Amino acid sequence: MDDNEVKFFIEAALLAAGRPMTVDQLHNLFDGRSAPEKSHIRQAISNLQDDYENRGITISEVASGFRIQVKSSMADRLQKLWDEQAPRYSRALFETLVLIAYRQPMTRGEIEEIRGVSVSTNIIRSLLEREWIRVVGHRDVPGRPAMFATTKSFLDYFGLRKLDDLPPLADHSDWESLRVQLNLPAVDEDEEEEELPTDDVTELPVVYREGEEEDGTADSEKLPDIKPGVKADLGIEPIAATEWPDPTDATAILQVEPAGPDEDAADDREDVDASLTGG
């Protein structure tokens, strides 16, 4: 295949995939004998980027590979193509995400200490469901609180190749500057947050489902090293404490061992004493 054929094939592959693809993945799409060198694939991608210079699309390299995407200058007007508007997130959610991204790994209590307000369960659940964060371990302190870090999906969504590509942030309160740099959507400012009491706050332990496995979406190599005294996460997903079994559910009631002979005798004596005293 000549250079143009390679370039056109890569363009078609990225459009058809609808997701980022690495050079290795693109290389595997070619027939063995006609497959170009990986360096030629990279050059073809670079040539495509040049071709797109004055067009409405571009090729961007993110954590999961290369992808063809609409230029940010076109995004607002193209939003009309979709019936559903993009979800709006609260400022509290993005501030929580920013803290995790810049200071990971962090526990919920550490985030609350910096922000000065409580972090709602809904915020953590939303970030987990979007696969922007995941549990990477537990602090070796009472309650063993979960530590959160960002994922490869987080990098892909915000157009980053690695955590080092995050813009510098002097202060976590410098929210508006970061929103512009990362081209973040508008946020809802209406959400009320509960200020933390001045007393020390004790974190509750996280409850886990048994038998769940890590899905592999996060790139642990890009995460900071876990410090000594922190136990590695087993890849199981936290669930809210409100999901304890219903105590009225018969399947949730613990079965009690039958009383032994000695216990039966003691119960009989108590019944006799009660009848004598008129109890």
Protein backbone atom coordinates (compact mmCIF):
# COMPACT_ATOMS: atom_id res chain seq x y z
CA MET A 1 0.00 0.00 0.00
CA ASP A 2 1.27 3.47 -0.83
CA ASP A 3 1.25 6.33 1.66
CA ASN A 4 -2.12 7.70 0.53
CA GLU A 5 -3.80 4.29 0.79
CA VAL A 6 -2.45 3.87 4.32
CA LYS A 7 -3.68 7.35 5.26
CA PHE A 8 -7.15 6.79 3.82
CA PHE A 9 -7.46 3.39 5.49
CA ILE A 10 -6.53 4.82 8.90
CA GLU A 11 -9.01 7.64 8.45
CA ALA A 12 -11.76 5.15 7.62
CA ALA A 13 -10.81 2.94 10.59
CA LEU A 14 -10.97 5.80 13.09
CA LEU A 15 -14.33 6.94 11.73
CA ALA A 16 -15.76 3.41 11.76
CA ALA A 17 -14.48 2.57 15.24
CA GLY A 18 -16.13 5.56 16.89
CA ARG A 19 -13.61 5.32 19.75
CA PRO A 20 -9.90 5.94 20.28
CA MET A 21 -7.52 3.42 18.70
CA THR A 22 -3.84 2.87 19.41
CA VAL A 23 -1.15 2.47 16.75
CA ASP A 24 -0.97 -1.25 17.58
CA GLN A 25 -4.72 -1.65 17.10
CA LEU A 26 -4.57 0.15 13.76
CA HIS A 27 -1.58 -1.95 12.69
CA ASN A 28 -3.50 -5.16 13.44
CA LEU A 29 -6.21 -4.14 10.95
CA PHE A 30 -3.84 -4.48 8.01
CA ASP A 31 -3.14 -7.79 6.27
CA GLY A 32 0.09 -9.30 7.50
CA ARG A 33 2.08 -9.01 4.29
CA SER A 34 0.83 -5.55 3.32
CA ALA A 35 0.94 -4.07 6.82
CA PRO A 36 3.00 -0.87 6.96
CA GLU A 37 5.54 -0.18 9.67
CA LYS A 38 4.15 1.41 12.81
CA SER A 39 6.24 4.47 12.11
CA HIS A 40 4.41 4.83 8.77
CA ILE A 41 1.08 4.65 10.61
CA ARG A 42 2.16 7.46 12.89
CA GLN A 43 3.25 9.49 9.90
CA ALA A 44 -0.11 8.88 8.21
CA ILE A 45 -1.88 10.14 11.35
CA SER A 46 0.31 13.24 11.31
CA ASN A 47 -0.54 13.80 7.63
CA LEU A 48 -4.24 13.52 8.45
CA GLN A 49 -3.83 16.12 11.19
CA ASP A 50 -2.29 18.45 8.62
CA ASP A 51 -5.17 17.76 6.21
CA TYR A 52 -7.68 18.67 8.92
CA GLU A 53 -5.94 21.94 9.83
CA ASN A 54 -8.55 24.12 8.10
CA ARG A 55 -11.51 21.82 8.52
CA GLY A 56 -14.17 21.26 11.18
CA ILE A 57 -12.67 18.01 12.48
CA THR A 58 -9.33 17.02 13.91
CA ILE A 59 -7.40 14.00 15.19
CA SER A 60 -6.72 14.08 18.90
CA GLU A 61 -4.45 11.79 20.93
CA VAL A 62 -5.91 10.79 24.29
CA ALA A 63 -5.04 8.14 26.87
CA SER A 64 -6.69 5.32 24.89
CA GLY A 65 -5.21 6.25 21.50
CA PHE A 66 -6.12 8.46 18.54
CA ARG A 67 -9.63 9.57 17.63
CA ILE A 68 -11.32 11.81 15.07
CA GLN A 69 -13.44 14.45 16.76
CA VAL A 70 -15.24 17.71 16.09
CA LYS A 71 -13.26 20.84 16.82
CA SER A 72 -14.34 22.58 20.00
CA SER A 73 -15.23 25.74 18.05
CA MET A 74 -18.02 23.77 16.33
CA ALA A 75 -19.33 21.86 19.35
CA ASP A 76 -21.91 24.35 20.66
CA ARG A 77 -23.76 24.74 17.38
CA LEU A 78 -23.67 21.01 16.64
CA GLN A 79 -25.36 20.33 19.98
CA LYS A 80 -28.66 21.02 18.20
CA LEU A 81 -28.29 17.71 16.36
CA TRP A 82 -29.15 15.79 19.51
CA ASP A 83 -32.58 15.80 21.10
CA GLU A 84 -31.18 15.31 24.58
CA GLN A 85 -29.03 18.04 26.01
CA ALA A 86 -25.70 17.16 27.52
CA PRO A 87 -26.02 16.42 31.24
CA ARG A 88 -25.28 19.33 33.55
CA TYR A 89 -23.24 18.69 36.62
CA SER A 90 -22.99 20.65 39.82
CA ARG A 91 -20.02 22.76 40.71
CA ALA A 92 -19.59 20.56 43.78
CA LEU A 93 -19.17 17.49 41.57
CA PHE A 94 -16.50 19.09 39.39
CA GLU A 95 -14.64 20.54 42.37
CA THR A 96 -14.59 17.06 43.90
CA LEU A 97 -13.30 15.62 40.61
CA VAL A 98 -10.63 18.33 40.35
CA LEU A 99 -9.32 17.57 43.83
CA ILE A 100 -9.12 13.85 43.09
CA ALA A 101 -7.38 14.49 39.76
CA TYR A 102 -4.73 16.80 41.21
CA ARG A 103 -4.14 15.17 44.60
CA GLN A 104 -4.97 11.51 44.03
CA PRO A 105 -5.37 9.19 45.69
CA MET A 106 -7.78 10.88 48.11
CA THR A 107 -10.42 9.73 50.56
CA ARG A 108 -13.83 11.31 50.90
CA GLY A 109 -12.86 12.75 54.28
CA GLU A 110 -9.75 14.41 52.82
CA ILE A 111 -11.86 16.03 50.11
CA GLU A 112 -14.32 17.30 52.71
CA GLU A 113 -11.51 18.69 54.83
CA ILE A 114 -10.19 20.79 51.92
CA ARG A 115 -13.58 21.95 50.62
CA GLY A 116 -15.00 22.60 54.09
CA VAL A 117 -18.34 21.03 53.18
CA SER A 118 -19.61 17.47 53.09
CA VAL A 119 -19.37 15.44 49.88
CA SER A 120 -22.73 13.85 49.13
CA THR A 121 -23.02 10.18 48.30
CA ASN A 122 -24.65 11.15 44.99
CA ILE A 123 -21.51 12.97 43.87
CA ILE A 124 -19.27 9.96 44.52
CA ARG A 125 -21.81 7.64 42.91
CA SER A 126 -22.06 9.85 39.80
CA LEU A 127 -18.29 9.96 39.36
CA LEU A 128 -18.06 6.18 39.75
CA GLU A 129 -20.91 5.57 37.30
CA ARG A 130 -19.27 7.84 34.71
CA GLU A 131 -16.06 5.83 35.28
CA TRP A 132 -14.17 9.05 35.90
CA ILE A 133 -12.89 7.74 39.25
CA ARG A 134 -12.36 4.34 40.85
CA VAL A 135 -11.31 2.90 44.20
CA VAL A 136 -7.57 2.15 44.23
CA GLY A 137 -7.00 1.21 47.86
CA HIS A 138 -7.81 2.01 51.47
CA ARG A 139 -6.10 4.23 54.02
CA ASP A 140 -4.66 2.20 56.85
CA VAL A 141 -6.55 4.19 59.48
CA PRO A 142 -9.65 3.41 61.55
CA GLY A 143 -12.56 2.68 59.24
CA ARG A 144 -10.21 1.97 56.31
CA PRO A 145 -11.76 4.67 54.08
CA ALA A 146 -11.63 4.09 50.33
CA MET A 147 -9.11 6.07 48.28
CA PHE A 148 -10.23 7.42 44.90
CA ALA A 149 -8.19 8.13 41.77
CA THR A 150 -9.03 9.04 38.19
CA THR A 151 -9.32 6.55 35.32
CA LYS A 152 -8.34 6.32 31.66
CA SER A 153 -11.97 7.19 30.82
CA PHE A 154 -11.46 10.47 32.68
CA LEU A 155 -8.41 11.27 30.53
CA ASP A 156 -10.25 10.32 27.33
CA TYR A 157 -13.30 12.44 28.16
CA PHE A 158 -11.25 15.57 28.84
CA GLY A 159 -8.91 15.03 25.88
CA LEU A 160 -5.78 14.23 27.91
CA ARG A 161 -3.06 11.68 27.22
CA LYS A 162 -1.75 11.51 30.78
CA LEU A 163 -2.20 13.22 34.13
CA ASP A 164 0.82 15.42 33.46
CA ASP A 165 -1.24 17.10 30.71
CA LEU A 166 -3.57 18.63 33.30
CA PRO A 167 -3.16 22.43 33.29
CA PRO A 168 -1.39 23.89 36.32
CA LEU A 169 -3.71 24.75 39.17
CA ALA A 170 -2.50 27.10 41.88
CA ASP A 171 -5.61 26.78 44.02
CA HIS A 172 -8.52 24.34 43.96
CA SER A 173 -10.86 27.33 44.20
CA ASP A 174 -9.57 28.63 40.85
CA TRP A 175 -12.52 26.83 39.29
CA GLU A 176 -13.45 29.18 36.44
CA SER A 177 -9.92 29.24 35.04
CA LEU A 178 -9.77 25.44 34.97
CA ARG A 179 -13.25 25.17 33.45
CA VAL A 180 -12.14 27.31 30.50
CA GLN A 181 -8.83 25.46 30.02
CA LEU A 182 -10.49 22.04 29.95
CA ASN A 183 -13.51 23.29 27.98
CA LEU A 184 -15.85 21.98 30.67
CA PRO A 185 -19.62 22.39 30.30
CA ALA A 186 -21.59 24.95 32.25
CA VAL A 187 -22.43 23.93 35.79
CA ASP A 188 -25.42 24.32 38.09
CA GLU A 189 -24.71 26.70 40.95
CA ASP A 190 -28.00 26.11 42.77
CA GLU A 191 -27.05 23.00 44.72
CA GLU A 192 -26.88 23.65 48.44
CA GLU A 193 -24.10 21.99 50.38
CA GLU A 194 -23.93 21.16 54.04
CA GLU A 195 -21.06 22.72 55.91
CA LEU A 196 -19.04 20.35 58.04
CA PRO A 197 -19.12 20.73 61.82
CA THR A 198 -15.98 22.03 63.47
CA ASP A 199 -15.58 18.73 65.35
CA ASP A 200 -13.46 15.97 63.88
CA VAL A 201 -15.32 13.88 61.33
CA THR A 202 -14.94 10.12 61.44
CA GLU A 203 -15.29 8.32 58.11
CA LEU A 204 -17.51 5.29 57.85
CA PRO A 205 -16.09 2.17 56.23
CA VAL A 206 -17.12 1.33 52.67
CA VAL A 207 -19.26 -1.77 52.06
CA TYR A 208 -18.32 -4.01 49.15
CA ARG A 209 -20.01 -6.65 47.04
CA GLU A 210 -18.25 -9.98 46.96
CA GLY A 211 -16.93 -11.60 43.81
CA GLU A 212 -16.79 -8.53 41.54
CA GLU A 213 -13.71 -8.04 39.36
CA GLU A 214 -11.89 -4.99 38.02
CA ASP A 215 -13.07 -4.08 34.51
CA GLY A 216 -9.66 -2.86 33.44
CA THR A 217 -10.78 0.55 32.24
CA ALA A 218 -8.48 2.46 34.59
CA ASP A 219 -4.78 2.82 33.87
CA SER A 220 -3.14 2.11 37.22
CA GLU A 221 0.34 2.80 35.79
CA LYS A 222 -0.51 6.47 35.55
CA LEU A 223 -1.64 6.67 39.16
CA PRO A 224 0.70 7.79 41.96
CA ASP A 225 2.37 5.00 43.90
CA ILE A 226 0.32 3.82 46.85
CA LYS A 227 2.18 4.61 50.04
CA PRO A 228 3.28 1.97 52.56
CA GLY A 229 0.56 1.06 55.00
CA VAL A 230 -2.13 1.25 52.30
CA LYS A 231 -3.69 -2.02 51.26
CA ALA A 232 -4.20 -2.52 47.53
CA ASP A 233 -7.75 -2.51 46.23
CA LEU A 234 -9.21 -5.78 45.01
CA GLY A 235 -11.14 -4.08 42.23
CA ILE A 236 -14.56 -4.35 43.85
CA GLU A 237 -16.98 -1.53 43.59
CA PRO A 238 -18.27 0.38 46.63
CA ILE A 239 -22.00 0.46 47.26
CA ALA A 240 -23.88 2.97 49.32
CA ALA A 241 -24.43 2.24 53.00
CA THR A 242 -28.15 2.63 52.39
CA GLU A 243 -28.10 -0.72 50.58
CA TRP A 244 -27.96 -2.83 53.74
CA PRO A 245 -30.53 -5.68 53.68
CA ASP A 246 -34.00 -4.93 54.94
CA PRO A 247 -34.19 -6.24 58.54
CA THR A 248 -37.75 -7.42 57.86
CA ASP A 249 -36.53 -9.61 55.02
CA ALA A 250 -36.54 -13.24 56.16
CA THR A 251 -33.40 -13.97 54.11
CA ALA A 252 -31.49 -11.28 56.00
CA ILE A 253 -32.29 -12.58 59.49
CA LEU A 254 -29.50 -14.55 61.10
CA GLN A 255 -30.41 -18.12 62.02
CA VAL A 256 -30.01 -18.84 65.74
CA GLU A 257 -28.59 -22.18 66.86
CA PRO A 258 -31.09 -24.32 68.85
CA ALA A 259 -30.67 -24.01 72.59
CA GLY A 260 -28.77 -26.83 74.30
CA PRO A 261 -30.04 -28.93 77.23
CA ASP A 262 -28.40 -26.67 79.81
CA GLU A 263 -30.02 -23.57 78.34
CA ASP A 264 -33.45 -25.29 78.28
CA ALA A 265 -33.10 -26.19 81.95
CA ALA A 266 -32.21 -22.63 82.86
CA ASP A 267 -35.25 -21.33 80.96
CA ASP A 268 -37.49 -23.82 82.83
CA ARG A 269 -36.17 -22.63 86.19
CA GLU A 270 -36.86 -19.01 85.24
CA ASP A 271 -40.46 -19.93 84.28
CA VAL A 272 -41.00 -21.67 87.64
CA ASP A 273 -39.60 -18.74 89.64
CA ALA A 274 -41.82 -16.35 87.76
CA SER A 275 -44.95 -18.38 88.50
CA LEU A 276 -44.13 -18.54 92.22
CA THR A 277 -43.68 -14.82 92.49
CA GLY A 278 -46.80 -14.13 90.46
CA GLY A 279 -44.73 -12.65 87.62
